Structures are given as structure tokens and as C-alpha cells.
Amino acid sequence: MQAPDGPPRALVIVNPVARNLPSRRALARAAALLTEAGWQARWQETEAPGHATELAARAAHEGHRLVLVCGGDGTLREAACGLVGTDTALAPIPAGTVNIWARETGIPLRAEAAVRTVLTGERRRVDLGRADGRHFLLMAGVGLDGRIAARVDPRAKRRLGATAYAITAVLESLRWRPLPVTVRADGELVSRDALMLVAANTRNYAGLVHVTPLARADDGLLDLCLFRGDGLRDIVLHALMVALGRHLRSPKVLYRQVQRLELEAASPLPMQLDGDPFALDGGVIEAAPASLWAVVRRGLRSPLFLRSATPP
């Protein structure tokens, strides 16, 4: 909500340990762009995991119209958690490793270009997902996906970026076996085992491929892609089919658009939310329709969106 008696206010949340963080000079120029456009901008660095949620929630409570996040998709997810159900919009100043949300919404990867695009952008109401009560913006990945996120070394991630994930994926795939998990989609039993499943609000995966190519960010649903198989051979075949964009034709792949998933397993399942590792304990992943305002590039034409933009 914009303050009625002054210029529009924005909070810029900066994750100081994010990979590919823009230079101080680039951030200073980005700050100048906000000021020149008539915004009263405040900058704040995060101090610990989860701090971005607290900062974003406080900004919304104080009437800030916009929260920009200079960090990766994980920091963006944290900020989104603090803006659920508010009128404050979220936008990225990309840093981090992959920047899936920026790529999906037409926001450039350079800081100054990103701010210029946001300042002329459009507000769209978008869905979030929720896993065991935790919101996510992009996807929840359970099984092998979650194990890789948990095992990748943070230092290697900062140094090597996506390469660190690739190396960890190879090592974990050598010993990964299907999970004995019962999966119900909107109450219907769909599987009793899985190598990996992705419940997504977006299409892009790892900046390279589309695991959930039919997903829309504003349809009130999550796209489920469940991979079955016995081990390494099937993991390799699934990876090749995804790279070729033909995995939905595989008899070992289940694809559904759902409101709610229920997973039953003997122990907590390894899970990643927008790249950050968690454990899925309660076993519920569900859509949270129209939970967030987001800024996208003006005139963006993308199959990711059903609804038209709202004027800023």
C-alpha cells in the first residue's frame, strides 16, 4: 500500500553473500535510478537465513509499494513469504546462481537494466505454492532433487555456481533409489514410488530445461511431474528425455495439474524449495492461488501467464 502523503516507498533487500552480487558501483547506479524516478528507497542487507522474510513483512506493514531483492531465487522466496496477502509487489535485482524468476518474468540480469525494467514494469497477481506451510515461488522438488540441494557444498556453490549442482547430481544419482512414497493428487492415488517429483508454479528448471512445460503462474494450480524408475539407468534416461523436451511422452513420467498433493512416507522426505533444502515432514504440497503481487517486464508475452497485467 502506497503511503498517501509522500513519494512511493521501496525496500531493496540485499543478500551480501549471494553469488554474482553486483558491484558497489552498479548498486549505486541502481539506487540513483530509483531516486530519479521519484521513489524513496531504503536498502537493507540480510543477516541470516530467513531475515528477508522479516524485512519484507515489515516493509509491507509500513506501506512500502515495492520490495526489490538483490540475491538469488532462495532470497526471493524468503521475501515472497513476507509479502503473502499484501499489496506490496516483489521484483528481483538478479544475483545468485540461476535467477529463474527473473528469466521467467523478463527481468534483465544486470542490476541497472533490472531496475529500469522494474520501474516501467507491470504488476501481476501470481500464485505461490506451499509445502508443509512453507511458501515457495518456483517449485518444490522431492526425492533426488531434494537430496542434491541438501548435499551440494555451499562453498562450491558460491565458487562454481550451477557446476556445483551438476557434480553433486552425478554423485547422488549413482546411489539414489526410488522412494517408497504414496502420492495422492487431489485425493486420487497416482503412485506408490518415485525417483523424484517436482510440483511447480513455473516452467524453467535450473535455467536450462522445462520440467513442467505447461505450468502457469496464475492458474491456481501446481504442475506435478513425477519420475518413476529403479535407479541410475532410469535417472539418465529421464535426464536425456527432459533435455530433449520429450519426457512427457515417457510411460515412467506422470504429469498432472493439481491443487493439492499428499505424500505418505515412513520418514521425512528430502525436498528443495526454490533451490533451498528442507525436509517434507507433514507431506502436503498445495497451491496458494493469487497470493502475491509481482512486477514483470511491461508488455511481457509469456505462456506462463493466463491473466493480463494490472496497471502499476
C-alpha atoms as a PDB file:
ATOM      1  CA  MET A   1       0.000   0.000   0.000  1.00  0.00           C
ATOM      2  CA  GLN A   2       1.463   3.354  -1.019  1.00  0.00           C
ATOM      3  CA  ALA A   3       1.818   5.958   1.687  1.00  0.00           C
ATOM      4  CA  PRO A   4      -0.778   8.696   0.954  1.00  0.00           C
ATOM      5  CA  ASP A   5       1.390  11.700   1.936  1.00  0.00           C
ATOM      6  CA  GLY A   6       4.673  11.211   0.138  1.00  0.00           C
ATOM      7  CA  PRO A   7       6.591   9.545  -2.676  1.00  0.00           C
ATOM      8  CA  PRO A   8       6.193   5.797  -3.223  1.00  0.00           C
ATOM      9  CA  ARG A   9       8.498   3.790  -0.985  1.00  0.00           C
ATOM     10  CA  ALA A  10      10.615   0.785  -1.864  1.00  0.00           C
ATOM     11  CA  LEU A  11      12.769  -1.543   0.171  1.00  0.00           C
ATOM     12  CA  VAL A  12      15.805  -3.107  -1.504  1.00  0.00           C
ATOM     13  CA  ILE A  13      16.879  -6.303   0.270  1.00  0.00           C
ATOM     14  CA  VAL A  14      20.473  -7.316  -0.462  1.00  0.00           C
ATOM     15  CA  ASN A  15      21.885 -10.737   0.321  1.00  0.00           C
ATOM     16  CA  PRO A  16      25.572  -9.869   0.905  1.00  0.00           C
ATOM     17  CA  VAL A  17      26.766 -13.462   0.448  1.00  0.00           C
ATOM     18  CA  ALA A  18      24.896 -14.127  -2.810  1.00  0.00           C
ATOM     19  CA  ARG A  19      26.932 -15.357  -5.739  1.00  0.00           C
ATOM     20  CA  ASN A  20      27.376 -12.885  -8.624  1.00  0.00           C
ATOM     21  CA  LEU A  21      26.403  -9.948  -6.420  1.00  0.00           C
ATOM     22  CA  PRO A  22      26.530  -6.706  -8.464  1.00  0.00           C
ATOM     23  CA  SER A  23      29.423  -4.370  -7.752  1.00  0.00           C
ATOM     24  CA  ARG A  24      29.000  -1.464  -5.355  1.00  0.00           C
ATOM     25  CA  ARG A  25      29.165   0.887  -8.334  1.00  0.00           C
ATOM     26  CA  ALA A  26      26.358  -0.982 -10.114  1.00  0.00           C
ATOM     27  CA  LEU A  27      24.207  -0.962  -6.969  1.00  0.00           C
ATOM     28  CA  ALA A  28      24.859   2.779  -6.512  1.00  0.00           C
ATOM     29  CA  ARG A  29      23.696   3.441 -10.061  1.00  0.00           C
ATOM     30  CA  ALA A  30      20.618   1.292  -9.439  1.00  0.00           C
ATOM     31  CA  ALA A  31      19.872   3.323  -6.304  1.00  0.00           C
ATOM     32  CA  ALA A  32      20.204   6.544  -8.306  1.00  0.00           C
ATOM     33  CA  LEU A  33      17.678   5.254 -10.838  1.00  0.00           C
ATOM     34  CA  LEU A  34      15.125   4.689  -8.081  1.00  0.00           C
ATOM     35  CA  THR A  35      15.700   8.176  -6.679  1.00  0.00           C
ATOM     36  CA  GLU A  36      15.489   9.813 -10.110  1.00  0.00           C
ATOM     37  CA  ALA A  37      12.188   8.047 -10.734  1.00  0.00           C
ATOM     38  CA  GLY A  38      10.731   9.587  -7.575  1.00  0.00           C
ATOM     39  CA  TRP A  39      10.990   6.606  -5.247  1.00  0.00           C
ATOM     40  CA  GLN A  40      12.036   6.823  -1.634  1.00  0.00           C
ATOM     41  CA  ALA A  41      14.253   3.745  -1.435  1.00  0.00           C
ATOM     42  CA  ARG A  42      15.748   2.129   1.649  1.00  0.00           C
ATOM     43  CA  TRP A  43      18.454  -0.551   1.397  1.00  0.00           C
ATOM     44  CA  GLN A  44      18.946  -3.351   3.908  1.00  0.00           C
ATOM     45  CA  GLU A  45      21.302  -6.343   3.954  1.00  0.00           C
ATOM     46  CA  THR A  46      20.181  -9.710   5.249  1.00  0.00           C
ATOM     47  CA  GLU A  47      21.968 -11.019   8.304  1.00  0.00           C
ATOM     48  CA  ALA A  48      20.878 -14.671   8.431  1.00  0.00           C
ATOM     49  CA  PRO A  49      18.635 -17.206   6.658  1.00  0.00           C
ATOM     50  CA  GLY A  50      15.007 -16.119   6.946  1.00  0.00           C
ATOM     51  CA  HIS A  51      15.861 -12.457   7.549  1.00  0.00           C
ATOM     52  CA  ALA A  52      14.490 -11.449   4.130  1.00  0.00           C
ATOM     53  CA  THR A  53      11.050 -12.683   5.198  1.00  0.00           C
ATOM     54  CA  GLU A  54      11.112 -10.458   8.278  1.00  0.00           C
ATOM     55  CA  LEU A  55      12.329  -7.430   6.310  1.00  0.00           C
ATOM     56  CA  ALA A  56       9.729  -7.840   3.556  1.00  0.00           C
ATOM     57  CA  ALA A  57       6.867  -8.311   6.025  1.00  0.00           C
ATOM     58  CA  ARG A  58       7.894  -5.158   7.896  1.00  0.00           C
ATOM     59  CA  ALA A  59       8.107  -3.199   4.628  1.00  0.00           C
ATOM     60  CA  ALA A  60       4.590  -4.277   3.667  1.00  0.00           C
ATOM     61  CA  HIS A  61       3.283  -3.333   7.114  1.00  0.00           C
ATOM     62  CA  GLU A  62       4.896   0.091   6.791  1.00  0.00           C
ATOM     63  CA  GLY A  63       3.188   0.741   3.458  1.00  0.00           C
ATOM     64  CA  HIS A  64       6.048   0.179   1.002  1.00  0.00           C
ATOM     65  CA  ARG A  65       4.728  -0.309  -2.507  1.00  0.00           C
ATOM     66  CA  LEU A  66       7.678  -2.367  -3.740  1.00  0.00           C
ATOM     67  CA  VAL A  67      10.274  -4.804  -2.398  1.00  0.00           C
ATOM     68  CA  LEU A  68      13.267  -5.478  -4.639  1.00  0.00           C
ATOM     69  CA  VAL A  69      15.534  -8.406  -3.830  1.00  0.00           C
ATOM     70  CA  CYS A  70      19.194  -8.410  -4.820  1.00  0.00           C
ATOM     71  CA  GLY A  71      20.023 -12.065  -4.383  1.00  0.00           C
ATOM     72  CA  GLY A  72      19.193 -15.468  -5.770  1.00  0.00           C
ATOM     73  CA  ASP A  73      15.912 -17.327  -6.052  1.00  0.00           C
ATOM     74  CA  GLY A  74      16.212 -18.520  -2.454  1.00  0.00           C
ATOM     75  CA  THR A  75      16.338 -14.961  -1.099  1.00  0.00           C
ATOM     76  CA  LEU A  76      13.491 -14.012  -3.432  1.00  0.00           C
ATOM     77  CA  ARG A  77      11.427 -16.893  -1.987  1.00  0.00           C
ATOM     78  CA  GLU A  78      12.113 -15.669   1.540  1.00  0.00           C
ATOM     79  CA  ALA A  79      10.894 -12.169   0.649  1.00  0.00           C
ATOM     80  CA  ALA A  80       7.802 -13.587  -1.042  1.00  0.00           C
ATOM     81  CA  CYS A  81       6.945 -15.377   2.204  1.00  0.00           C
ATOM     82  CA  GLY A  82       6.831 -11.999   3.935  1.00  0.00           C
ATOM     83  CA  LEU A  83       4.572 -10.447   1.287  1.00  0.00           C
ATOM     84  CA  VAL A  84       1.860 -13.115   1.099  1.00  0.00           C
ATOM     85  CA  GLY A  85      -1.574 -11.500   1.028  1.00  0.00           C
ATOM     86  CA  THR A  86      -0.268  -7.906   0.994  1.00  0.00           C
ATOM     87  CA  ASP A  87      -0.453  -5.147  -1.632  1.00  0.00           C
ATOM     88  CA  THR A  88       3.338  -4.818  -1.792  1.00  0.00           C
ATOM     89  CA  ALA A  89       4.864  -6.112  -5.024  1.00  0.00           C
ATOM     90  CA  LEU A  90       8.029  -8.197  -5.370  1.00  0.00           C
ATOM     91  CA  ALA A  91      10.747  -7.781  -8.005  1.00  0.00           C
ATOM     92  CA  PRO A  92      14.298  -9.138  -8.454  1.00  0.00           C
ATOM     93  CA  ILE A  93      17.654  -7.491  -8.950  1.00  0.00           C
ATOM     94  CA  PRO A  94      19.286 -10.751 -10.046  1.00  0.00           C
ATOM     95  CA  ALA A  95      22.304 -12.200  -8.271  1.00  0.00           C
ATOM     96  CA  GLY A  96      22.744 -15.764  -7.052  1.00  0.00           C
ATOM     97  CA  THR A  97      23.187 -18.799  -9.284  1.00  0.00           C
ATOM     98  CA  VAL A  98      20.349 -19.225 -11.800  1.00  0.00           C
ATOM     99  CA  ASN A  99      17.711 -16.479 -11.325  1.00  0.00           C
ATOM    100  CA  ILE A 100      14.792 -18.487 -12.667  1.00  0.00           C
ATOM    101  CA  TRP A 101      12.101 -15.976 -11.664  1.00  0.00           C
ATOM    102  CA  ALA A 102      13.914 -13.105 -13.389  1.00  0.00           C
ATOM    103  CA  ARG A 103      14.267 -15.168 -16.567  1.00  0.00           C
ATOM    104  CA  GLU A 104      10.588 -16.160 -16.469  1.00  0.00           C
ATOM    105  CA  THR A 105       9.349 -12.588 -15.999  1.00  0.00           C
ATOM    106  CA  GLY A 106      11.615 -10.776 -18.450  1.00  0.00           C
ATOM    107  CA  ILE A 107      13.835  -9.010 -15.893  1.00  0.00           C
ATOM    108  CA  PRO A 108      17.411  -8.482 -17.183  1.00  0.00           C
ATOM    109  CA  LEU A 109      20.301  -9.974 -15.224  1.00  0.00           C
ATOM    110  CA  ARG A 110      22.301  -6.719 -14.921  1.00  0.00           C
ATOM    111  CA  ALA A 111      21.379  -4.586 -11.913  1.00  0.00           C
ATOM    112  CA  GLU A 112      20.787  -1.246 -13.679  1.00  0.00           C
ATOM    113  CA  ALA A 113      18.811  -2.824 -16.515  1.00  0.00           C
ATOM    114  CA  ALA A 114      16.774  -4.801 -13.998  1.00  0.00           C
ATOM    115  CA  VAL A 115      15.802  -1.672 -12.047  1.00  0.00           C
ATOM    116  CA  ARG A 116      14.906   0.213 -15.238  1.00  0.00           C
ATOM    117  CA  THR A 117      12.690  -2.693 -16.305  1.00  0.00           C
ATOM    118  CA  VAL A 118      11.005  -2.880 -12.908  1.00  0.00           C
ATOM    119  CA  LEU A 119      10.345   0.871 -12.832  1.00  0.00           C
ATOM    120  CA  THR A 120       8.443   0.642 -16.134  1.00  0.00           C
ATOM    121  CA  GLY A 121       7.011  -2.795 -15.433  1.00  0.00           C
ATOM    122  CA  GLU A 122       3.571  -4.230 -14.799  1.00  0.00           C
ATOM    123  CA  ARG A 123       2.096  -5.683 -11.631  1.00  0.00           C
ATOM    124  CA  ARG A 124       0.646  -9.175 -11.889  1.00  0.00           C
ATOM    125  CA  ARG A 125      -1.082 -11.239  -9.249  1.00  0.00           C
ATOM    126  CA  VAL A 126       0.649 -14.620  -9.095  1.00  0.00           C
ATOM    127  CA  ASP A 127       0.223 -17.896  -7.259  1.00  0.00           C
ATOM    128  CA  LEU A 128       2.576 -19.392  -4.750  1.00  0.00           C
ATOM    129  CA  GLY A 129       2.960 -22.971  -3.634  1.00  0.00           C
ATOM    130  CA  ARG A 130       3.010 -24.175  -0.053  1.00  0.00           C
ATOM    131  CA  ALA A 131       4.824 -27.234   1.331  1.00  0.00           C
ATOM    132  CA  ASP A 132       4.277 -28.108   4.995  1.00  0.00           C
ATOM    133  CA  GLY A 133       3.231 -24.480   5.495  1.00  0.00           C
ATOM    134  CA  ARG A 134       6.322 -23.005   3.791  1.00  0.00           C
ATOM    135  CA  HIS A 135       5.588 -20.899   0.718  1.00  0.00           C
ATOM    136  CA  PHE A 136       7.582 -21.169  -2.492  1.00  0.00           C
ATOM    137  CA  LEU A 137       7.598 -19.108  -5.661  1.00  0.00           C
ATOM    138  CA  LEU A 138       9.043 -21.521  -8.230  1.00  0.00           C
ATOM    139  CA  MET A 139       8.854 -25.177  -7.260  1.00  0.00           C
ATOM    140  CA  ALA A 140       9.091 -27.886  -4.675  1.00  0.00           C
ATOM    141  CA  GLY A 141      11.348 -30.797  -5.637  1.00  0.00           C
ATOM    142  CA  VAL A 142      11.083 -34.022  -3.621  1.00  0.00           C
ATOM    143  CA  GLY A 143      13.369 -37.048  -3.775  1.00  0.00           C
ATOM    144  CA  LEU A 144      16.596 -36.920  -5.758  1.00  0.00           C
ATOM    145  CA  ASP A 145      16.093 -33.195  -6.384  1.00  0.00           C
ATOM    146  CA  GLY A 146      15.857 -32.512  -2.665  1.00  0.00           C
ATOM    147  CA  ARG A 147      18.850 -34.718  -1.868  1.00  0.00           C
ATOM    148  CA  ILE A 148      21.039 -32.850  -4.367  1.00  0.00           C
ATOM    149  CA  ALA A 149      20.074 -29.484  -2.853  1.00  0.00           C
ATOM    150  CA  ALA A 150      20.909 -30.788   0.621  1.00  0.00           C
ATOM    151  CA  ARG A 151      24.273 -32.290  -0.373  1.00  0.00           C
ATOM    152  CA  VAL A 152      25.724 -29.531  -2.562  1.00  0.00           C
ATOM    153  CA  ASP A 153      28.571 -27.808  -0.724  1.00  0.00           C
ATOM    154  CA  PRO A 154      27.764 -24.108  -0.060  1.00  0.00           C
ATOM    155  CA  ARG A 155      31.360 -23.077  -0.729  1.00  0.00           C
ATOM    156  CA  ALA A 156      31.402 -24.950  -4.027  1.00  0.00           C
ATOM    157  CA  LYS A 157      28.046 -23.403  -4.891  1.00  0.00           C
ATOM    158  CA  ARG A 158      29.394 -19.869  -4.378  1.00  0.00           C
ATOM    159  CA  ARG A 159      32.568 -20.664  -6.329  1.00  0.00           C
ATOM    160  CA  LEU A 160      31.245 -22.842  -9.159  1.00  0.00           C
ATOM    161  CA  GLY A 161      27.530 -21.984  -9.358  1.00  0.00           C
ATOM    162  CA  ALA A 162      25.479 -24.417 -11.439  1.00  0.00           C
ATOM    163  CA  THR A 163      28.547 -26.617 -11.963  1.00  0.00           C
ATOM    164  CA  ALA A 164      28.492 -27.498  -8.259  1.00  0.00           C
ATOM    165  CA  TYR A 165      24.925 -28.751  -8.650  1.00  0.00           C
ATOM    166  CA  ALA A 166      25.884 -30.777 -11.724  1.00  0.00           C
ATOM    167  CA  ILE A 167      28.756 -32.504  -9.918  1.00  0.00           C
ATOM    168  CA  THR A 168      26.577 -33.256  -6.888  1.00  0.00           C
ATOM    169  CA  ALA A 169      23.774 -34.531  -9.142  1.00  0.00           C
ATOM    170  CA  VAL A 170      26.111 -37.070 -10.753  1.00  0.00           C
ATOM    171  CA  LEU A 171      27.416 -38.306  -7.405  1.00  0.00           C
ATOM    172  CA  GLU A 172      23.972 -38.605  -5.817  1.00  0.00           C
ATOM    173  CA  SER A 173      22.461 -40.290  -8.893  1.00  0.00           C
ATOM    174  CA  LEU A 174      24.945 -43.150  -8.591  1.00  0.00           C
ATOM    175  CA  ARG A 175      23.410 -44.278  -5.296  1.00  0.00           C
ATOM    176  CA  TRP A 176      19.833 -42.953  -5.409  1.00  0.00           C
ATOM    177  CA  ARG A 177      16.944 -45.414  -5.355  1.00  0.00           C
ATOM    178  CA  PRO A 178      13.186 -44.858  -5.682  1.00  0.00           C
ATOM    179  CA  LEU A 179      11.340 -43.648  -2.608  1.00  0.00           C
ATOM    180  CA  PRO A 180       8.576 -45.844  -1.166  1.00  0.00           C
ATOM    181  CA  VAL A 181       6.091 -42.973  -1.012  1.00  0.00           C
ATOM    182  CA  THR A 182       2.357 -42.886  -1.635  1.00  0.00           C
ATOM    183  CA  VAL A 183       1.369 -39.887  -3.741  1.00  0.00           C
ATOM    184  CA  ARG A 184      -2.201 -38.611  -3.941  1.00  0.00           C
ATOM    185  CA  ALA A 185      -3.107 -35.807  -6.331  1.00  0.00           C
ATOM    186  CA  ASP A 186      -6.331 -34.027  -5.369  1.00  0.00           C
ATOM    187  CA  GLY A 187      -7.261 -37.153  -3.425  1.00  0.00           C
ATOM    188  CA  GLU A 188      -6.550 -39.649  -6.228  1.00  0.00           C
ATOM    189  CA  LEU A 189      -3.832 -42.261  -5.699  1.00  0.00           C
ATOM    190  CA  VAL A 190      -1.352 -41.772  -8.539  1.00  0.00           C
ATOM    191  CA  SER A 191       1.837 -43.522  -7.407  1.00  0.00           C
ATOM    192  CA  ARG A 192       3.426 -45.641  -4.686  1.00  0.00           C
ATOM    193  CA  ASP A 193       7.043 -44.844  -5.552  1.00  0.00           C
ATOM    194  CA  ALA A 194       9.087 -42.084  -7.145  1.00  0.00           C
ATOM    195  CA  LEU A 195      12.651 -41.269  -8.049  1.00  0.00           C
ATOM    196  CA  MET A 196      11.777 -37.603  -7.939  1.00  0.00           C
ATOM    197  CA  LEU A 197       8.774 -35.337  -8.228  1.00  0.00           C
ATOM    198  CA  VAL A 198       8.516 -31.647  -8.980  1.00  0.00           C
ATOM    199  CA  ALA A 199       5.467 -29.558  -8.065  1.00  0.00           C
ATOM    200  CA  ALA A 200       5.954 -26.282  -9.893  1.00  0.00           C
ATOM    201  CA  ASN A 201       4.455 -22.862 -10.357  1.00  0.00           C
ATOM    202  CA  THR A 202       6.891 -22.031 -13.186  1.00  0.00           C
ATOM    203  CA  ARG A 203       8.375 -23.746 -16.249  1.00  0.00           C
ATOM    204  CA  ASN A 204      12.116 -23.175 -16.178  1.00  0.00           C
ATOM    205  CA  TYR A 205      14.284 -25.646 -14.270  1.00  0.00           C
ATOM    206  CA  ALA A 206      17.944 -24.913 -13.463  1.00  0.00           C
ATOM    207  CA  GLY A 207      17.957 -22.230 -16.150  1.00  0.00           C
ATOM    208  CA  LEU A 208      18.319 -24.904 -18.822  1.00  0.00           C
ATOM    209  CA  VAL A 209      15.209 -27.031 -19.360  1.00  0.00           C
ATOM    210  CA  HIS A 210      11.445 -27.140 -18.817  1.00  0.00           C
ATOM    211  CA  VAL A 211      10.469 -29.956 -16.456  1.00  0.00           C
ATOM    212  CA  THR A 212       6.923 -28.565 -16.110  1.00  0.00           C
ATOM    213  CA  PRO A 213       6.376 -27.062 -19.575  1.00  0.00           C
ATOM    214  CA  LEU A 214       2.631 -26.464 -19.130  1.00  0.00           C
ATOM    215  CA  ALA A 215       2.832 -24.574 -15.843  1.00  0.00           C
ATOM    216  CA  ARG A 216       1.198 -21.187 -15.396  1.00  0.00           C
ATOM    217  CA  ALA A 217       1.927 -18.829 -12.535  1.00  0.00           C
ATOM    218  CA  ASP A 218      -1.646 -17.559 -12.221  1.00  0.00           C
ATOM    219  CA  ASP A 219      -3.976 -20.529 -12.820  1.00  0.00           C
ATOM    220  CA  GLY A 220      -4.407 -21.507  -9.177  1.00  0.00           C
ATOM    221  CA  LEU A 221      -2.724 -24.880  -9.760  1.00  0.00           C
ATOM    222  CA  LEU A 222       0.637 -26.595  -9.397  1.00  0.00           C
ATOM    223  CA  ASP A 223       2.061 -28.738 -12.186  1.00  0.00           C
ATOM    224  CA  LEU A 224       3.189 -32.143 -10.936  1.00  0.00           C
ATOM    225  CA  CYS A 225       5.876 -34.028 -12.827  1.00  0.00           C
ATOM    226  CA  LEU A 226       6.654 -37.400 -11.201  1.00  0.00           C
ATOM    227  CA  PHE A 227       9.535 -39.564 -12.405  1.00  0.00           C
ATOM    228  CA  ARG A 228       9.406 -43.312 -11.769  1.00  0.00           C
ATOM    229  CA  GLY A 229      12.171 -45.873 -12.181  1.00  0.00           C
ATOM    230  CA  ASP A 230      14.638 -48.202 -10.475  1.00  0.00           C
ATOM    231  CA  GLY A 231      17.909 -46.304 -10.306  1.00  0.00           C
ATOM    232  CA  LEU A 232      20.765 -44.842 -12.329  1.00  0.00           C
ATOM    233  CA  ARG A 233      19.676 -46.136 -15.738  1.00  0.00           C
ATOM    234  CA  ASP A 234      16.245 -44.568 -15.418  1.00  0.00           C
ATOM    235  CA  ILE A 235      17.689 -41.349 -13.978  1.00  0.00           C
ATOM    236  CA  VAL A 236      19.953 -40.993 -17.023  1.00  0.00           C
ATOM    237  CA  LEU A 237      17.093 -41.730 -19.427  1.00  0.00           C
ATOM    238  CA  HIS A 238      14.842 -39.222 -17.678  1.00  0.00           C
ATOM    239  CA  ALA A 239      17.568 -36.575 -17.861  1.00  0.00           C
ATOM    240  CA  LEU A 240      18.044 -37.157 -21.592  1.00  0.00           C
ATOM    241  CA  MET A 241      14.310 -37.020 -22.269  1.00  0.00           C
ATOM    242  CA  VAL A 242      13.962 -33.788 -20.284  1.00  0.00           C
ATOM    243  CA  ALA A 243      16.872 -32.249 -22.211  1.00  0.00           C
ATOM    244  CA  LEU A 244      15.131 -33.186 -25.467  1.00  0.00           C
ATOM    245  CA  GLY A 245      11.784 -31.895 -24.226  1.00  0.00           C
ATOM    246  CA  ARG A 246      10.167 -35.323 -24.709  1.00  0.00           C
ATOM    247  CA  HIS A 247       9.803 -36.574 -21.149  1.00  0.00           C
ATOM    248  CA  LEU A 248       6.021 -36.147 -21.053  1.00  0.00           C
ATOM    249  CA  ARG A 249       5.799 -38.993 -23.605  1.00  0.00           C
ATOM    250  CA  SER A 250       7.520 -41.436 -21.267  1.00  0.00           C
ATOM    251  CA  PRO A 251       5.366 -44.128 -19.606  1.00  0.00           C
ATOM    252  CA  LYS A 252       7.515 -43.640 -16.495  1.00  0.00           C
ATOM    253  CA  VAL A 253       6.556 -39.965 -16.170  1.00  0.00           C
ATOM    254  CA  LEU A 254       3.284 -38.806 -14.633  1.00  0.00           C
ATOM    255  CA  TYR A 255       2.156 -35.241 -15.322  1.00  0.00           C
ATOM    256  CA  ARG A 256      -0.849 -33.635 -13.627  1.00  0.00           C
ATOM    257  CA  GLN A 257      -2.134 -30.154 -12.822  1.00  0.00           C
ATOM    258  CA  VAL A 258      -3.372 -30.194  -9.249  1.00  0.00           C
ATOM    259  CA  GLN A 259      -4.417 -28.098  -6.290  1.00  0.00           C
ATOM    260  CA  ARG A 260      -3.103 -30.397  -3.567  1.00  0.00           C
ATOM    261  CA  LEU A 261      -0.621 -33.241  -3.216  1.00  0.00           C
ATOM    262  CA  GLU A 262      -0.444 -35.587  -0.248  1.00  0.00           C
ATOM    263  CA  LEU A 263       2.688 -37.673   0.219  1.00  0.00           C
ATOM    264  CA  GLU A 264       2.895 -40.503   2.739  1.00  0.00           C
ATOM    265  CA  ALA A 265       6.289 -41.974   3.633  1.00  0.00           C
ATOM    266  CA  ALA A 266       7.896 -43.753   6.563  1.00  0.00           C
ATOM    267  CA  SER A 267      10.263 -40.830   7.240  1.00  0.00           C
ATOM    268  CA  PRO A 268      10.663 -37.157   6.217  1.00  0.00           C
ATOM    269  CA  LEU A 269      11.444 -36.746   2.525  1.00  0.00           C
ATOM    270  CA  PRO A 270      14.354 -34.693   1.140  1.00  0.00           C
ATOM    271  CA  MET A 271      12.925 -31.585  -0.518  1.00  0.00           C
ATOM    272  CA  GLN A 272      14.097 -28.349  -2.073  1.00  0.00           C
ATOM    273  CA  LEU A 273      12.051 -25.163  -2.278  1.00  0.00           C
ATOM    274  CA  ASP A 274      13.354 -22.781  -4.931  1.00  0.00           C
ATOM    275  CA  GLY A 275      16.788 -24.354  -4.518  1.00  0.00           C
ATOM    276  CA  ASP A 276      16.960 -24.343  -0.715  1.00  0.00           C
ATOM    277  CA  PRO A 277      16.972 -27.718   1.106  1.00  0.00           C
ATOM    278  CA  PHE A 278      14.245 -28.709   3.571  1.00  0.00           C
ATOM    279  CA  ALA A 279      12.605 -31.911   4.773  1.00  0.00           C
ATOM    280  CA  LEU A 280       8.985 -32.639   3.856  1.00  0.00           C
ATOM    281  CA  ASP A 281       7.530 -33.939   7.092  1.00  0.00           C
ATOM    282  CA  GLY A 282       3.783 -33.256   7.047  1.00  0.00           C
ATOM    283  CA  GLY A 283       3.530 -34.448   3.465  1.00  0.00           C
ATOM    284  CA  VAL A 284       1.254 -31.771   1.962  1.00  0.00           C
ATOM    285  CA  ILE A 285       2.139 -29.621  -1.041  1.00  0.00           C
ATOM    286  CA  GLU A 286      -0.599 -27.306  -2.301  1.00  0.00           C
ATOM    287  CA  ALA A 287      -1.289 -24.272  -4.438  1.00  0.00           C
ATOM    288  CA  ALA A 288      -1.798 -20.885  -2.797  1.00  0.00           C
ATOM    289  CA  PRO A 289      -3.666 -19.002  -5.546  1.00  0.00           C
ATOM    290  CA  ALA A 290      -3.203 -15.268  -6.161  1.00  0.00           C
ATOM    291  CA  SER A 291      -1.047 -14.860  -3.043  1.00  0.00           C
ATOM    292  CA  LEU A 292       1.499 -12.336  -4.296  1.00  0.00           C
ATOM    293  CA  TRP A 293       1.881  -9.207  -6.401  1.00  0.00           C
ATOM    294  CA  ALA A 294       4.923  -9.391  -8.687  1.00  0.00           C
ATOM    295  CA  VAL A 295       6.431  -6.924 -11.144  1.00  0.00           C
ATOM    296  CA  VAL A 296       7.194  -8.254 -14.631  1.00  0.00           C
ATOM    297  CA  ARG A 297       8.528  -6.601 -17.776  1.00  0.00           C
ATOM    298  CA  ARG A 298       5.981  -4.310 -19.404  1.00  0.00           C
ATOM    299  CA  GLY A 299       4.359  -5.982 -22.408  1.00  0.00           C
ATOM    300  CA  LEU A 300       5.633  -9.417 -21.387  1.00  0.00           C
ATOM    301  CA  ARG A 301       4.087 -12.096 -23.566  1.00  0.00           C
ATOM    302  CA  SER A 302       4.577 -15.472 -21.968  1.00  0.00           C
ATOM    303  CA  PRO A 303       2.608 -18.708 -21.768  1.00  0.00           C
ATOM    304  CA  LEU A 304       3.400 -18.591 -18.053  1.00  0.00           C
ATOM    305  CA  PHE A 305       0.517 -16.152 -17.529  1.00  0.00           C
ATOM    306  CA  LEU A 306      -3.168 -16.512 -18.218  1.00  0.00           C
ATOM    307  CA  ARG A 307      -4.366 -13.151 -16.921  1.00  0.00           C
ATOM    308  CA  SER A 308      -3.487  -9.702 -18.183  1.00  0.00           C
ATOM    309  CA  ALA A 309      -1.427  -7.193 -16.248  1.00  0.00           C
ATOM    310  CA  THR A 310      -2.720  -4.700 -13.684  1.00  0.00           C
ATOM    311  CA  PRO A 311      -1.698  -1.045 -14.073  1.00  0.00           C
ATOM    312  CA  PRO A 312       1.092  -0.053 -11.643  1.00  0.00           C
END
